[in-house]
Structure formats: structure tokens, C-alpha cells
PDB file of N, CA and C in Angstrom:
ATOM      1  N   UNK A   1       0.841  -1.221   0.026  1.00  0.00           N
ATOM      2  CA  UNK A   1      -0.053  -0.001  -0.026  1.00  0.00           C
ATOM      3  C   UNK A   1       0.890   1.246  -0.041  1.00  0.00           C
ATOM      4  N   UNK A   2       1.838   1.332   0.810  1.00  0.00           N
ATOM      5  CA  UNK A   2       2.800   2.348   1.063  1.00  0.00           C
ATOM      6  C   UNK A   2       3.505   2.523  -0.419  1.00  0.00           C
ATOM      7  N   UNK A   3       3.902   1.426  -1.005  1.00  0.00           N
ATOM      8  CA  UNK A   3       4.555   1.356  -2.198  1.00  0.00           C
ATOM      9  C   UNK A   3       3.735   1.949  -3.335  1.00  0.00           C
ATOM     10  N   UNK A   4       2.502   1.814  -3.366  1.00  0.00           N
ATOM     11  CA  UNK A   4       1.548   2.134  -4.435  1.00  0.00           C
ATOM     12  C   UNK A   4       1.388   3.734  -4.279  1.00  0.00           C
ATOM     13  N   UNK A   5       1.329   4.124  -2.915  1.00  0.00           N
ATOM     14  CA  UNK A   5       1.207   5.711  -2.770  1.00  0.00           C
ATOM     15  C   UNK A   5       2.426   6.435  -3.193  1.00  0.00           C
ATOM     16  N   UNK A   6       3.516   5.787  -2.962  1.00  0.00           N
ATOM     17  CA  UNK A   6       4.859   6.340  -3.309  1.00  0.00           C
ATOM     18  C   UNK A   6       4.770   6.553  -4.962  1.00  0.00           C
ATOM     19  N   UNK A   7       4.437   5.353  -5.609  1.00  0.00           N
ATOM     20  CA  UNK A   7       4.426   5.601  -7.065  1.00  0.00           C
ATOM     21  C   UNK A   7       3.438   6.515  -7.609  1.00  0.00           C
ATOM     22  N   UNK A   8       2.259   6.749  -6.884  1.00  0.00           N
ATOM     23  CA  UNK A   8       1.359   7.660  -7.347  1.00  0.00           C
ATOM     24  C   UNK A   8       2.001   9.094  -7.176  1.00  0.00           C
ATOM     25  N   UNK A   9       2.623   9.350  -6.002  1.00  0.00           N
ATOM     26  CA  UNK A   9       3.215  10.635  -5.791  1.00  0.00           C
ATOM     27  C   UNK A   9       4.300  10.900  -6.836  1.00  0.00           C
ATOM     28  N   UNK A  10       5.135   9.859  -7.139  1.00  0.00           N
ATOM     29  CA  UNK A  10       6.259  10.079  -8.111  1.00  0.00           C
ATOM     30  C   UNK A  10       5.515  10.447  -9.487  1.00  0.00           C
ATOM     31  N   UNK A  11       4.536   9.654  -9.908  1.00  0.00           N
ATOM     32  CA  UNK A  11       3.839   9.861 -11.091  1.00  0.00           C
ATOM     33  C   UNK A  11       3.330  11.162 -11.283  1.00  0.00           C
ATOM     34  N   UNK A  12       2.595  11.677 -10.346  1.00  0.00           N
ATOM     35  CA  UNK A  12       1.916  13.023 -10.148  1.00  0.00           C
ATOM     36  C   UNK A  12       3.105  14.222 -10.257  1.00  0.00           C
ATOM     37  N   UNK A  13       4.225  13.863  -9.596  1.00  0.00           N
ATOM     38  CA  UNK A  13       5.315  14.798  -9.652  1.00  0.00           C
ATOM     39  C   UNK A  13       5.821  14.903 -11.031  1.00  0.00           C
ATOM     40  N   UNK A  14       6.100  13.800 -11.562  1.00  0.00           N
ATOM     41  CA  UNK A  14       6.595  13.722 -13.004  1.00  0.00           C
ATOM     42  C   UNK A  14       5.780  14.521 -13.977  1.00  0.00           C
ATOM     43  N   UNK A  15       4.517  14.283 -13.849  1.00  0.00           N
ATOM     44  CA  UNK A  15       3.405  14.932 -14.728  1.00  0.00           C
ATOM     45  C   UNK A  15       3.481  16.382 -14.479  1.00  0.00           C
ATOM     46  N   UNK A  16       3.582  16.926 -13.367  1.00  0.00           N
ATOM     47  CA  UNK A  16       3.633  18.375 -12.981  1.00  0.00           C
ATOM     48  C   UNK A  16       4.855  18.950 -13.569  1.00  0.00           C
ATOM     49  N   UNK A  17       6.075  18.282 -13.402  1.00  0.00           N
ATOM     50  CA  UNK A  17       7.302  18.750 -14.024  1.00  0.00           C
ATOM     51  C   UNK A  17       7.207  18.813 -15.534  1.00  0.00           C
ATOM     52  N   UNK A  18       6.684  17.773 -16.106  1.00  0.00           N
ATOM     53  CA  UNK A  18       6.398  17.778 -17.693  1.00  0.00           C
ATOM     54  C   UNK A  18       5.553  18.857 -18.129  1.00  0.00           C
ATOM     55  N   UNK A  19       4.467  19.103 -17.374  1.00  0.00           N
ATOM     56  CA  UNK A  19       3.572  20.278 -17.711  1.00  0.00           C
ATOM     57  C   UNK A  19       4.083  21.517 -17.601  1.00  0.00           C
ATOM     58  N   UNK A  20       4.790  21.847 -16.497  1.00  0.00           N
ATOM     59  CA  UNK A  20       5.486  22.969 -16.303  1.00  0.00           C
ATOM     60  C   UNK A  20       6.621  23.227 -17.435  1.00  0.00           C
ATOM     61  N   UNK A  21       7.167  22.229 -18.019  1.00  0.00           N
ATOM     62  CA  UNK A  21       8.191  22.419 -18.882  1.00  0.00           C
ATOM     63  C   UNK A  21       7.637  22.617 -20.135  1.00  0.00           C
ATOM     64  N   UNK A  22       6.269  22.515 -20.440  1.00  0.00           N
ATOM     65  CA  UNK A  22       5.761  22.745 -21.844  1.00  0.00           C
ATOM     66  C   UNK A  22       5.699  24.300 -21.889  1.00  0.00           C
ATOM     67  N   UNK A  23       6.064  24.712 -23.175  1.00  0.00           N
ATOM     68  CA  UNK A  23       5.951  26.065 -23.505  1.00  0.00           C
ATOM     69  C   UNK A  23       5.044  26.233 -24.728  1.00  0.00           C
ATOM     70  N   UNK A  24       4.088  27.155 -24.613  1.00  0.00           N
ATOM     71  CA  UNK A  24       3.189  27.548 -25.625  1.00  0.00           C
ATOM     72  C   UNK A  24       4.031  28.375 -26.617  1.00  0.00           C
ATOM     73  N   UNK A  25       3.802  28.074 -27.963  1.00  0.00           N
ATOM     74  CA  UNK A  25       4.290  28.888 -29.024  1.00  0.00           C
ATOM     75  C   UNK A  25       3.600  30.381 -28.994  1.00  0.00           C
ATOM     76  N   UNK A  26       4.461  31.415 -29.043  1.00  0.00           N
ATOM     77  CA  UNK A  26       3.962  32.866 -29.176  1.00  0.00           C
ATOM     78  C   UNK A  26       3.586  32.938 -30.547  1.00  0.00           C
ATOM     79  N   UNK A  27       2.590  33.900 -30.579  1.00  0.00           N
ATOM     80  CA  UNK A  27       2.145  34.471 -32.041  1.00  0.00           C
ATOM     81  C   UNK A  27       2.437  35.963 -32.164  1.00  0.00           C
ATOM     82  N   UNK A  28       2.984  36.215 -33.232  1.00  0.00           N
ATOM     83  CA  UNK A  28       3.336  37.682 -33.689  1.00  0.00           C
ATOM     84  C   UNK A  28       2.604  38.039 -34.883  1.00  0.00           C
ATOM     85  N   UNK A  29       2.346  39.360 -35.028  1.00  0.00           N
ATOM     86  CA  UNK A  29       1.740  39.827 -36.292  1.00  0.00           C
ATOM     87  C   UNK A  29       2.639  41.014 -36.786  1.00  0.00           C
ATOM     88  N   UNK A  30       2.834  40.909 -38.096  1.00  0.00           N
ATOM     89  CA  UNK A  30       3.546  41.975 -38.923  1.00  0.00           C
ATOM     90  C   UNK A  30       2.606  42.471 -39.941  1.00  0.00           C
ATOM     91  N   UNK A  31       2.340  43.703 -39.755  1.00  0.00           N
ATOM     92  CA  UNK A  31       1.409  44.463 -40.708  1.00  0.00           C
ATOM     93  C   UNK A  31       2.324  44.919 -41.819  1.00  0.00           C
ATOM     94  N   UNK A  32       1.711  44.740 -43.066  1.00  0.00           N
ATOM     95  CA  UNK A  32       2.335  45.442 -44.234  1.00  0.00           C
ATOM     96  C   UNK A  32       1.638  46.546 -44.682  1.00  0.00           C
ATOM     97  N   UNK A  33       2.071  47.790 -44.317  1.00  0.00           N
ATOM     98  CA  UNK A  33       1.411  48.960 -44.647  1.00  0.00           C
ATOM     99  C   UNK A  33       2.485  50.063 -44.839  1.00  0.00           C
ATOM    100  N   UNK A  34       1.872  50.960 -45.806  1.00  0.00           N
ATOM    101  CA  UNK A  34       2.810  52.168 -46.156  1.00  0.00           C
ATOM    102  C   UNK A  34       4.120  51.697 -46.829  1.00  0.00           C
ATOM    103  N   UNK A  35       3.999  50.605 -47.517  1.00  0.00           N
ATOM    104  CA  UNK A  35       5.120  49.908 -48.278  1.00  0.00           C
ATOM    105  C   UNK A  35       6.294  49.640 -47.235  1.00  0.00           C
ATOM    106  N   UNK A  36       5.857  49.071 -46.135  1.00  0.00           N
ATOM    107  CA  UNK A  36       6.888  48.709 -45.021  1.00  0.00           C
ATOM    108  C   UNK A  36       6.330  47.498 -44.329  1.00  0.00           C
ATOM    109  N   UNK A  37       7.149  46.823 -43.598  1.00  0.00           N
ATOM    110  CA  UNK A  37       6.797  45.719 -42.642  1.00  0.00           C
ATOM    111  C   UNK A  37       6.873  46.312 -41.334  1.00  0.00           C
ATOM    112  N   UNK A  38       5.673  46.187 -40.442  1.00  0.00           N
ATOM    113  CA  UNK A  38       5.821  46.852 -39.115  1.00  0.00           C
ATOM    114  C   UNK A  38       5.243  45.861 -38.089  1.00  0.00           C
ATOM    115  N   UNK A  39       6.163  45.414 -37.231  1.00  0.00           N
ATOM    116  CA  UNK A  39       7.450  45.864 -37.077  1.00  0.00           C
ATOM    117  C   UNK A  39       8.364  45.091 -38.008  1.00  0.00           C
ATOM    118  N   UNK A  40       9.503  45.725 -38.480  1.00  0.00           N
ATOM    119  CA  UNK A  40      10.276  45.115 -39.513  1.00  0.00           C
ATOM    120  C   UNK A  40      11.433  44.397 -38.842  1.00  0.00           C
ATOM    121  N   UNK A  41      11.628  44.308 -37.539  1.00  0.00           N
ATOM    122  CA  UNK A  41      12.589  43.380 -36.834  1.00  0.00           C
ATOM    123  C   UNK A  41      11.866  42.781 -35.629  1.00  0.00           C
ATOM    124  N   UNK A  42      11.958  41.557 -35.675  1.00  0.00           N
ATOM    125  CA  UNK A  42      11.239  40.731 -34.649  1.00  0.00           C
ATOM    126  C   UNK A  42      12.339  39.697 -33.970  1.00  0.00           C
ATOM    127  N   UNK A  43      12.266  39.566 -32.630  1.00  0.00           N
ATOM    128  CA  UNK A  43      13.142  38.507 -32.014  1.00  0.00           C
ATOM    129  C   UNK A  43      11.998  37.550 -31.305  1.00  0.00           C
ATOM    130  N   UNK A  44      12.318  36.354 -31.549  1.00  0.00           N
ATOM    131  CA  UNK A  44      11.271  35.350 -30.976  1.00  0.00           C
ATOM    132  C   UNK A  44      11.997  34.050 -30.894  1.00  0.00           C
ATOM    133  N   UNK A  45      11.162  33.085 -30.375  1.00  0.00           N
ATOM    134  CA  UNK A  45      11.710  31.758 -30.103  1.00  0.00           C
ATOM    135  C   UNK A  45      11.454  30.772 -31.250  1.00  0.00           C
ATOM    136  N   UNK A  46      12.159  29.737 -31.402  1.00  0.00           N
ATOM    137  CA  UNK A  46      11.892  28.629 -32.251  1.00  0.00           C
ATOM    138  C   UNK A  46      10.487  28.012 -31.936  1.00  0.00           C
ATOM    139  N   UNK A  47       9.709  27.767 -32.914  1.00  0.00           N
ATOM    140  CA  UNK A  47       8.247  27.351 -32.774  1.00  0.00           C
ATOM    141  C   UNK A  47       7.324  28.402 -32.721  1.00  0.00           C
ATOM    142  N   UNK A  48       7.666  29.740 -32.619  1.00  0.00           N
ATOM    143  CA  UNK A  48       6.671  30.798 -32.694  1.00  0.00           C
ATOM    144  C   UNK A  48       6.081  30.826 -34.017  1.00  0.00           C
ATOM    145  N   UNK A  49       4.985  31.603 -34.176  1.00  0.00           N
ATOM    146  CA  UNK A  49       4.331  31.862 -35.339  1.00  0.00           C
ATOM    147  C   UNK A  49       4.306  33.337 -35.663  1.00  0.00           C
ATOM    148  N   UNK A  50       4.368  33.562 -36.815  1.00  0.00           N
ATOM    149  CA  UNK A  50       4.337  35.085 -37.389  1.00  0.00           C
ATOM    150  C   UNK A  50       3.193  35.127 -38.526  1.00  0.00           C
ATOM    151  N   UNK A  51       2.281  35.996 -38.246  1.00  0.00           N
ATOM    152  CA  UNK A  51       1.166  36.182 -39.274  1.00  0.00           C
ATOM    153  C   UNK A  51       1.471  37.630 -39.968  1.00  0.00           C
ATOM    154  N   UNK A  52       1.655  37.567 -41.288  1.00  0.00           N
ATOM    155  CA  UNK A  52       1.773  38.724 -42.054  1.00  0.00           C
ATOM    156  C   UNK A  52       0.406  39.154 -42.653  1.00  0.00           C
ATOM    157  N   UNK A  53      -0.003  40.382 -42.395  1.00  0.00           N
ATOM    158  CA  UNK A  53      -1.203  40.945 -42.898  1.00  0.00           C
ATOM    159  C   UNK A  53      -1.018  42.141 -43.799  1.00  0.00           C
ATOM    160  N   UNK A  54      -1.514  42.050 -45.120  1.00  0.00           N
ATOM    161  CA  UNK A  54      -1.301  43.105 -45.950  1.00  0.00           C
ATOM    162  C   UNK A  54      -2.461  44.052 -45.717  1.00  0.00           C
ATOM    163  N   UNK A  55      -2.047  45.323 -45.344  1.00  0.00           N
ATOM    164  CA  UNK A  55      -2.958  46.491 -45.288  1.00  0.00           C
ATOM    165  C   UNK A  55      -2.834  47.461 -46.444  1.00  0.00           C
ATOM    166  N   UNK A  56      -1.909  47.097 -47.248  1.00  0.00           N
ATOM    167  CA  UNK A  56      -1.862  48.132 -48.460  1.00  0.00           C
ATOM    168  C   UNK A  56      -2.737  47.669 -49.564  1.00  0.00           C
ATOM    169  N   UNK A  57      -2.946  48.675 -50.470  1.00  0.00           N
ATOM    170  CA  UNK A  57      -3.863  48.278 -51.839  1.00  0.00           C
ATOM    171  C   UNK A  57      -2.849  47.476 -52.563  1.00  0.00           C
ATOM    172  N   UNK A  58      -1.678  47.691 -52.564  1.00  0.00           N
ATOM    173  CA  UNK A  58      -0.724  46.923 -53.544  1.00  0.00           C
ATOM    174  C   UNK A  58      -0.562  45.475 -52.935  1.00  0.00           C
ATOM    175  N   UNK A  59      -0.188  44.461 -53.891  1.00  0.00           N
ATOM    176  CA  UNK A  59       0.101  43.232 -53.344  1.00  0.00           C
ATOM    177  C   UNK A  59       1.505  43.117 -52.830  1.00  0.00           C
ATOM    178  N   UNK A  60       1.698  42.261 -51.905  1.00  0.00           N
ATOM    179  CA  UNK A  60       3.009  41.974 -51.232  1.00  0.00           C
ATOM    180  C   UNK A  60       3.223  40.666 -50.890  1.00  0.00           C
ATOM    181  N   UNK A  61       4.617  40.247 -50.645  1.00  0.00           N
ATOM    182  CA  UNK A  61       4.856  38.972 -50.207  1.00  0.00           C
ATOM    183  C   UNK A  61       5.963  39.270 -48.965  1.00  0.00           C
ATOM    184  N   UNK A  62       6.119  38.267 -48.226  1.00  0.00           N
ATOM    185  CA  UNK A  62       7.171  38.262 -47.183  1.00  0.00           C
ATOM    186  C   UNK A  62       7.998  37.027 -47.417  1.00  0.00           C
ATOM    187  N   UNK A  63       9.051  37.071 -48.025  1.00  0.00           N
ATOM    188  CA  UNK A  63       9.833  36.033 -48.626  1.00  0.00           C
ATOM    189  C   UNK A  63      11.180  36.000 -47.943  1.00  0.00           C
ATOM    190  N   UNK A  64      11.523  34.898 -47.330  1.00  0.00           N
ATOM    191  CA  UNK A  64      12.992  34.782 -46.647  1.00  0.00           C
ATOM    192  C   UNK A  64      13.957  34.679 -47.808  1.00  0.00           C
ATOM    193  N   UNK A  65      15.057  35.421 -47.627  1.00  0.00           N
ATOM    194  CA  UNK A  65      16.064  35.437 -48.507  1.00  0.00           C
ATOM    195  C   UNK A  65      16.905  34.087 -48.649  1.00  0.00           C
ATOM    196  N   UNK A  66      16.728  33.206 -47.551  1.00  0.00           N
ATOM    197  CA  UNK A  66      17.305  31.952 -47.620  1.00  0.00           C
ATOM    198  C   UNK A  66      16.281  30.891 -48.105  1.00  0.00           C
ATOM    199  N   UNK A  67      15.074  31.345 -48.559  1.00  0.00           N
ATOM    200  CA  UNK A  67      14.032  30.523 -49.025  1.00  0.00           C
ATOM    201  C   UNK A  67      13.394  29.540 -47.917  1.00  0.00           C
ATOM    202  N   UNK A  68      13.519  29.847 -46.683  1.00  0.00           N
ATOM    203  CA  UNK A  68      13.007  29.160 -45.599  1.00  0.00           C
ATOM    204  C   UNK A  68      11.357  29.456 -45.386  1.00  0.00           C
ATOM    205  N   UNK A  69      10.952  30.548 -45.860  1.00  0.00           N
ATOM    206  CA  UNK A  69       9.536  30.804 -45.863  1.00  0.00           C
ATOM    207  C   UNK A  69       9.151  31.824 -46.960  1.00  0.00           C
ATOM    208  N   UNK A  70       7.892  31.674 -47.387  1.00  0.00           N
ATOM    209  CA  UNK A  70       7.339  32.529 -48.344  1.00  0.00           C
ATOM    210  C   UNK A  70       5.909  32.593 -48.183  1.00  0.00           C
ATOM    211  N   UNK A  71       5.328  33.787 -47.887  1.00  0.00           N
ATOM    212  CA  UNK A  71       3.939  33.890 -47.722  1.00  0.00           C
ATOM    213  C   UNK A  71       3.096  33.760 -49.053  1.00  0.00           C
ATOM    214  N   UNK A  72       3.744  33.866 -50.085  1.00  0.00           N
ATOM    215  CA  UNK A  72       3.083  34.056 -51.373  1.00  0.00           C
ATOM    216  C   UNK A  72       2.441  35.436 -51.588  1.00  0.00           C
ATOM    217  N   UNK A  73       1.879  35.652 -52.644  1.00  0.00           N
ATOM    218  CA  UNK A  73       1.320  36.954 -52.944  1.00  0.00           C
ATOM    219  C   UNK A  73       0.031  37.337 -52.133  1.00  0.00           C
ATOM    220  N   UNK A  74       0.088  38.351 -51.300  1.00  0.00           N
ATOM    221  CA  UNK A  74      -0.955  38.805 -50.446  1.00  0.00           C
ATOM    222  C   UNK A  74      -1.463  40.058 -50.935  1.00  0.00           C
ATOM    223  N   UNK A  75      -2.784  39.922 -51.265  1.00  0.00           N
ATOM    224  CA  UNK A  75      -3.624  41.249 -51.736  1.00  0.00           C
ATOM    225  C   UNK A  75      -4.196  41.887 -50.448  1.00  0.00           C
ATOM    226  N   UNK A  76      -4.787  43.087 -50.650  1.00  0.00           N
ATOM    227  CA  UNK A  76      -5.338  43.786 -49.413  1.00  0.00           C
ATOM    228  C   UNK A  76      -6.131  42.931 -48.584  1.00  0.00           C
ATOM    229  N   UNK A  77      -5.854  42.998 -47.258  1.00  0.00           N
ATOM    230  CA  UNK A  77      -6.356  42.311 -46.165  1.00  0.00           C
ATOM    231  C   UNK A  77      -6.361  40.849 -46.184  1.00  0.00           C
ATOM    232  N   UNK A  78      -5.380  40.221 -46.895  1.00  0.00           N
ATOM    233  CA  UNK A  78      -5.059  38.909 -46.915  1.00  0.00           C
ATOM    234  C   UNK A  78      -3.919  38.689 -45.925  1.00  0.00           C
ATOM    235  N   UNK A  79      -3.832  37.430 -45.304  1.00  0.00           N
ATOM    236  CA  UNK A  79      -2.841  37.165 -44.333  1.00  0.00           C
ATOM    237  C   UNK A  79      -2.183  35.810 -44.576  1.00  0.00           C
ATOM    238  N   UNK A  80      -0.985  35.525 -44.019  1.00  0.00           N
ATOM    239  CA  UNK A  80      -0.505  34.383 -44.111  1.00  0.00           C
ATOM    240  C   UNK A  80       0.340  34.060 -42.846  1.00  0.00           C
ATOM    241  N   UNK A  81       0.438  32.898 -42.292  1.00  0.00           N
ATOM    242  CA  UNK A  81       1.011  32.558 -41.071  1.00  0.00           C
ATOM    243  C   UNK A  81       2.214  31.639 -41.299  1.00  0.00           C
ATOM    244  N   UNK A  82       3.379  31.996 -40.773  1.00  0.00           N
ATOM    245  CA  UNK A  82       4.504  31.058 -40.801  1.00  0.00           C
ATOM    246  C   UNK A  82       4.855  30.584 -39.504  1.00  0.00           C
ATOM    247  N   UNK A  83       5.589  29.470 -39.310  1.00  0.00           N
ATOM    248  CA  UNK A  83       6.145  28.960 -38.123  1.00  0.00           C
ATOM    249  C   UNK A  83       7.600  28.859 -38.240  1.00  0.00           C
ATOM    250  N   UNK A  84       8.375  29.463 -37.343  1.00  0.00           N
ATOM    251  CA  UNK A  84       9.761  29.390 -37.406  1.00  0.00           C
ATOM    252  C   UNK A  84      10.281  28.139 -36.718  1.00  0.00           C
ATOM    253  N   UNK A  85      10.944  27.420 -37.598  1.00  0.00           N
ATOM    254  CA  UNK A  85      11.265  26.119 -37.114  1.00  0.00           C
ATOM    255  C   UNK A  85      12.747  25.848 -36.747  1.00  0.00           C
ATOM    256  N   UNK A  86      13.569  26.994 -36.980  1.00  0.00           N
ATOM    257  CA  UNK A  86      14.930  26.736 -36.458  1.00  0.00           C
ATOM    258  C   UNK A  86      15.563  28.126 -35.938  1.00  0.00           C
ATOM    259  N   UNK A  87      16.530  27.978 -35.174  1.00  0.00           N
ATOM    260  CA  UNK A  87      17.100  29.331 -34.717  1.00  0.00           C
ATOM    261  C   UNK A  87      17.893  29.908 -35.751  1.00  0.00           C
ATOM    262  N   UNK A  88      18.132  31.144 -35.786  1.00  0.00           N
ATOM    263  CA  UNK A  88      18.883  31.937 -36.706  1.00  0.00           C
ATOM    264  C   UNK A  88      18.330  33.215 -37.087  1.00  0.00           C
ATOM    265  N   UNK A  89      18.990  33.886 -37.925  1.00  0.00           N
ATOM    266  CA  UNK A  89      18.534  35.231 -38.517  1.00  0.00           C
ATOM    267  C   UNK A  89      17.876  34.913 -39.835  1.00  0.00           C
ATOM    268  N   UNK A  90      16.686  35.491 -40.036  1.00  0.00           N
ATOM    269  CA  UNK A  90      15.995  35.319 -41.288  1.00  0.00           C
ATOM    270  C   UNK A  90      15.668  36.700 -41.797  1.00  0.00           C
ATOM    271  N   UNK A  91      16.504  37.037 -42.772  1.00  0.00           N
ATOM    272  CA  UNK A  91      16.126  38.317 -43.535  1.00  0.00           C
ATOM    273  C   UNK A  91      15.045  37.969 -44.567  1.00  0.00           C
ATOM    274  N   UNK A  92      14.064  38.843 -44.771  1.00  0.00           N
ATOM    275  CA  UNK A  92      13.128  38.727 -45.641  1.00  0.00           C
ATOM    276  C   UNK A  92      12.741  40.008 -46.537  1.00  0.00           C
ATOM    277  N   UNK A  93      12.129  39.840 -47.555  1.00  0.00           N
ATOM    278  CA  UNK A  93      11.746  40.994 -48.364  1.00  0.00           C
ATOM    279  C   UNK A  93      10.478  40.649 -49.097  1.00  0.00           C
ATOM    280  N   UNK A  94      10.000  41.628 -49.844  1.00  0.00           N
ATOM    281  CA  UNK A  94       8.752  41.673 -50.601  1.00  0.00           C
ATOM    282  C   UNK A  94       9.227  41.412 -52.076  1.00  0.00           C
ATOM    283  N   UNK A  95       8.821  40.171 -52.723  1.00  0.00           N
ATOM    284  CA  UNK A  95       9.202  39.932 -54.075  1.00  0.00           C
ATOM    285  C   UNK A  95       8.731  40.855 -55.104  1.00  0.00           C
ATOM    286  N   UNK A  96       7.557  41.635 -54.805  1.00  0.00           N
ATOM    287  CA  UNK A  96       6.906  42.596 -55.619  1.00  0.00           C
ATOM    288  C   UNK A  96       7.722  43.922 -55.518  1.00  0.00           C
ATOM    289  N   UNK A  97       8.050  44.223 -54.277  1.00  0.00           N
ATOM    290  CA  UNK A  97       8.877  45.532 -53.895  1.00  0.00           C
ATOM    291  C   UNK A  97      10.165  45.185 -53.179  1.00  0.00           C
ATOM    292  N   UNK A  98      11.134  44.742 -53.758  1.00  0.00           N
ATOM    293  CA  UNK A  98      12.462  44.253 -53.283  1.00  0.00           C
ATOM    294  C   UNK A  98      13.075  45.195 -52.162  1.00  0.00           C
ATOM    295  N   UNK A  99      12.669  46.467 -52.340  1.00  0.00           N
ATOM    296  CA  UNK A  99      13.385  47.412 -51.304  1.00  0.00           C
ATOM    297  C   UNK A  99      12.686  47.379 -50.051  1.00  0.00           C
ATOM    298  N   UNK A 100      11.538  46.522 -49.853  1.00  0.00           N
ATOM    299  CA  UNK A 100      10.855  46.483 -48.616  1.00  0.00           C
ATOM    300  C   UNK A 100      11.547  45.181 -47.945  1.00  0.00           C
ATOM    301  N   UNK A 101      12.080  45.473 -46.751  1.00  0.00           N
ATOM    302  CA  UNK A 101      12.867  44.348 -46.067  1.00  0.00           C
ATOM    303  C   UNK A 101      12.565  44.300 -44.619  1.00  0.00           C
ATOM    304  N   UNK A 102      12.703  43.164 -43.951  1.00  0.00           N
ATOM    305  CA  UNK A 102      12.647  42.904 -42.668  1.00  0.00           C
ATOM    306  C   UNK A 102      13.577  41.734 -42.090  1.00  0.00           C
ATOM    307  N   UNK A 103      13.444  41.502 -40.723  1.00  0.00           N
ATOM    308  CA  UNK A 103      14.428  40.504 -40.296  1.00  0.00           C
ATOM    309  C   UNK A 103      13.619  39.851 -39.031  1.00  0.00           C
ATOM    310  N   UNK A 104      13.780  38.527 -38.970  1.00  0.00           N
ATOM    311  CA  UNK A 104      13.322  37.801 -37.831  1.00  0.00           C
ATOM    312  C   UNK A 104      14.579  36.979 -37.135  1.00  0.00           C
ATOM    313  N   UNK A 105      14.697  37.307 -35.956  1.00  0.00           N
ATOM    314  CA  UNK A 105      15.788  36.612 -35.225  1.00  0.00           C
ATOM    315  C   UNK A 105      15.208  35.577 -34.300  1.00  0.00           C
ATOM    316  N   UNK A 106      15.544  34.312 -34.415  1.00  0.00           N
ATOM    317  CA  UNK A 106      14.844  33.260 -33.640  1.00  0.00           C
ATOM    318  C   UNK A 106      15.919  32.649 -32.792  1.00  0.00           C
ATOM    319  N   UNK A 107      15.600  32.566 -31.469  1.00  0.00           N
ATOM    320  CA  UNK A 107      16.600  31.919 -30.464  1.00  0.00           C
ATOM    321  C   UNK A 107      16.116  30.698 -30.117  1.00  0.00           C
TER     322      UNK A 107
END
């Protein structure tokens, strides 16, 4: 009986430790407006999500220079969500307007 209680206490403790170690992915929003990404620099964690929303009348993309992500062509009020799957610096730009640039740093 005592051994069974001990096992139950250990199991409950391990479950609590596991649940406390779980981290929810954060979600970020980048608005594309005025021919700019806002914010144009983000620092986040691996596993976090970024939603790009086009608020301009012109179409835009958010395309990583290393090809790790591409939102595709977004027209006014369209959005696309990406998940950052590895650590590093991700410089991105708009394929339609290459002078528009931003950066995501994932830790």
C-alpha cells in the first residue's frame, strides 16, 4: 500500500514537471502598410508563429532570402502565417517591392 502511494506521488510529480516544462508557442503579427513591414525586426523563439497581414492596396509577399519561408502574394487584407522552425537570423523582403525588407531573429 505504501509502495503504491509512493508510485502515485512520483507519477504526479513527473506529470507536473512535464506540464511546467511545456511552452506555448507565441504568436506575432507583422502588418504590411505604407510599403513597409511593421515591425520590421522581430526577436522570437523557435516554434513561434508570425502572421503577415497586408494592409496596403498593392500586393506584397514576405519572402525569406534563404527561401525558408514565403507567404505567397498577399492582396489587401489577406494574411499568411509562418512557423519559425529553427534558430537563426531570417532576412526577408517583398518579391513585388524588393526594397521592402525585414528581419526575424529566432533563438
